[in-house]
Amino acid sequence: MNRQSPAEVSANSLKAVTAPLVGRARFAPGDIVRHRMFDFRGVVFDIDPVFSNSDEWYEAIPEDIRPSKDQPFYHLLAENEDSSYIAYVSQQNLVADEDQGPVDHPQIEAMFDGMERGRYRVRAIHRH
């Protein structure tokens, strides 16, 4: 019987994990973005390197517009004409917001420390 040491087992386990790096993300916390298909915009406050929501949430998206799970997904402080809310959006469905004006969301001040050159500055307490 061929036995592996704990270090070999650990090294082999690490090789099996192939999640894309957040480096593939087009946007960063503080960036203002707009949805490609729906009329809302928002500020990125967190990024998942791949889909990390529930299967029920994913399956609720109509199949013909359902995004691939193997891409960055963004948590946004979002707004539309009627309200503000938290949105979870795939990278393929976001574009940079050309207006770059402020986003009207009640949690902006808790997470960001003003705007600079068209993007929000993340408060030091929220940096990783």
Protein backbone atom coordinates (compact mmCIF):
# COMPACT_ATOMS: atom_id res chain seq x y z
CA MET A 1 0.00 0.00 0.00
CA ASN A 2 1.34 3.42 -1.01
CA ARG A 3 0.69 5.95 1.79
CA GLN A 4 1.04 9.72 1.43
CA SER A 5 2.39 11.94 4.15
CA PRO A 6 0.06 14.64 5.55
CA ALA A 7 2.05 17.25 3.61
CA GLU A 8 1.55 15.33 0.33
CA VAL A 9 -2.18 14.94 1.00
CA SER A 10 -2.44 18.68 1.73
CA ALA A 11 -0.47 19.59 -1.42
CA ASN A 12 -2.66 17.31 -3.55
CA SER A 13 -5.82 18.82 -2.04
CA LEU A 14 -4.63 22.32 -2.91
CA LYS A 15 -4.02 21.33 -6.53
CA ALA A 16 -7.65 20.25 -6.86
CA VAL A 17 -9.00 23.72 -6.02
CA THR A 18 -9.23 25.81 -9.18
CA ALA A 19 -11.39 28.81 -8.34
CA PRO A 20 -10.62 31.87 -10.47
CA LEU A 21 -8.77 34.65 -8.74
CA VAL A 22 -10.47 37.91 -7.84
CA GLY A 23 -7.81 39.33 -10.20
CA ARG A 24 -10.22 38.43 -13.02
CA ALA A 25 -12.61 41.02 -11.66
CA ARG A 26 -13.14 44.06 -13.90
CA PHE A 27 -14.45 46.18 -11.05
CA ALA A 28 -13.25 46.93 -7.51
CA PRO A 29 -14.94 48.07 -4.31
CA GLY A 30 -15.93 51.70 -4.75
CA ASP A 31 -16.51 51.48 -8.51
CA ILE A 32 -19.84 52.74 -9.81
CA VAL A 33 -21.45 50.34 -12.27
CA ARG A 34 -24.64 49.96 -14.28
CA HIS A 35 -26.57 46.79 -15.20
CA ARG A 36 -26.48 45.98 -18.92
CA MET A 37 -30.13 44.90 -19.20
CA PHE A 38 -31.98 46.40 -16.26
CA ASP A 39 -32.30 50.05 -15.32
CA PHE A 40 -30.23 50.27 -12.15
CA ARG A 41 -26.79 51.32 -11.05
CA GLY A 42 -24.78 50.83 -7.90
CA VAL A 43 -21.50 50.86 -6.02
CA VAL A 44 -19.45 47.68 -5.68
CA PHE A 45 -18.87 46.84 -2.01
CA ASP A 46 -17.74 43.20 -2.24
CA ILE A 47 -16.71 40.62 -4.85
CA ASP A 48 -17.12 36.84 -5.00
CA PRO A 49 -14.58 35.23 -7.40
CA VAL A 50 -17.35 32.83 -8.53
CA PHE A 51 -21.08 32.51 -7.85
CA SER A 52 -21.71 32.20 -4.11
CA ASN A 53 -25.45 32.59 -3.63
CA SER A 54 -28.17 29.95 -3.19
CA ASP A 55 -29.23 27.48 -5.89
CA GLU A 56 -32.81 28.74 -5.46
CA TRP A 57 -31.69 32.30 -6.27
CA TYR A 58 -29.79 31.09 -9.34
CA GLU A 59 -32.61 28.87 -10.62
CA ALA A 60 -35.07 31.78 -10.32
CA ILE A 61 -33.22 33.58 -13.14
CA PRO A 62 -34.83 32.75 -16.52
CA GLU A 63 -32.63 30.19 -18.27
CA ASP A 64 -32.19 32.29 -21.41
CA ILE A 65 -30.51 35.09 -19.42
CA ARG A 66 -28.98 33.02 -16.60
CA PRO A 67 -25.25 33.91 -16.27
CA SER A 68 -22.43 31.41 -15.92
CA LYS A 69 -21.42 30.71 -12.32
CA ASP A 70 -17.73 30.67 -13.26
CA GLN A 71 -17.12 34.43 -13.18
CA PRO A 72 -16.90 37.16 -10.56
CA PHE A 73 -20.17 38.23 -8.93
CA TYR A 74 -20.52 41.65 -7.32
CA HIS A 75 -22.41 42.86 -4.27
CA LEU A 76 -23.78 46.32 -4.98
CA LEU A 77 -25.41 49.11 -3.04
CA ALA A 78 -27.92 49.65 -5.84
CA GLU A 79 -30.52 52.21 -6.81
CA ASN A 80 -33.17 52.59 -9.46
CA GLU A 81 -35.76 55.28 -10.03
CA ASP A 82 -37.98 53.91 -7.22
CA SER A 83 -35.76 52.55 -4.45
CA SER A 84 -32.39 51.52 -3.11
CA TYR A 85 -31.43 47.93 -2.31
CA ILE A 86 -28.60 45.36 -2.28
CA ALA A 87 -28.00 43.60 -5.62
CA TYR A 88 -25.92 40.54 -6.55
CA VAL A 89 -24.82 40.71 -10.20
CA SER A 90 -22.56 38.72 -12.52
CA GLN A 91 -19.63 40.43 -14.17
CA GLN A 92 -21.07 39.83 -17.66
CA ASN A 93 -24.09 41.96 -16.73
CA LEU A 94 -22.20 45.03 -15.53
CA VAL A 95 -20.62 47.99 -17.29
CA ALA A 96 -18.85 51.03 -15.89
CA ASP A 97 -21.29 53.85 -15.15
CA GLU A 98 -20.45 56.76 -17.42
CA ASP A 99 -22.30 59.31 -15.26
CA GLN A 100 -20.05 58.60 -12.26
CA GLY A 101 -22.32 60.76 -10.13
CA PRO A 102 -23.19 59.85 -6.55
CA VAL A 103 -25.37 56.83 -5.82
CA ASP A 104 -28.32 57.46 -3.52
CA HIS A 105 -28.21 54.57 -1.06
CA PRO A 106 -28.61 54.81 2.75
CA GLN A 107 -25.54 52.59 3.44
CA ILE A 108 -23.06 54.57 1.32
CA GLU A 109 -21.75 56.62 4.25
CA ALA A 110 -21.29 53.52 6.44
CA MET A 111 -19.03 51.81 3.87
CA PHE A 112 -17.41 54.64 1.95
CA ASP A 113 -15.58 57.84 2.81
CA GLY A 114 -16.66 60.17 0.01
CA MET A 115 -15.89 60.16 -3.69
CA GLU A 116 -12.66 60.80 -5.54
CA ARG A 117 -12.25 60.85 -9.34
CA GLY A 118 -15.61 59.19 -10.04
CA ARG A 119 -15.36 56.34 -7.50
CA TYR A 120 -16.02 55.89 -3.81
CA ARG A 121 -13.18 55.53 -1.29
CA VAL A 122 -13.64 52.46 0.92
CA ARG A 123 -13.57 53.33 4.63
CA ALA A 124 -10.45 51.93 6.33
CA ILE A 125 -12.59 49.79 8.66
CA HIS A 126 -13.95 47.85 5.64
CA ARG A 127 -10.64 47.11 3.92
CA HIS A 128 -9.29 43.56 3.96
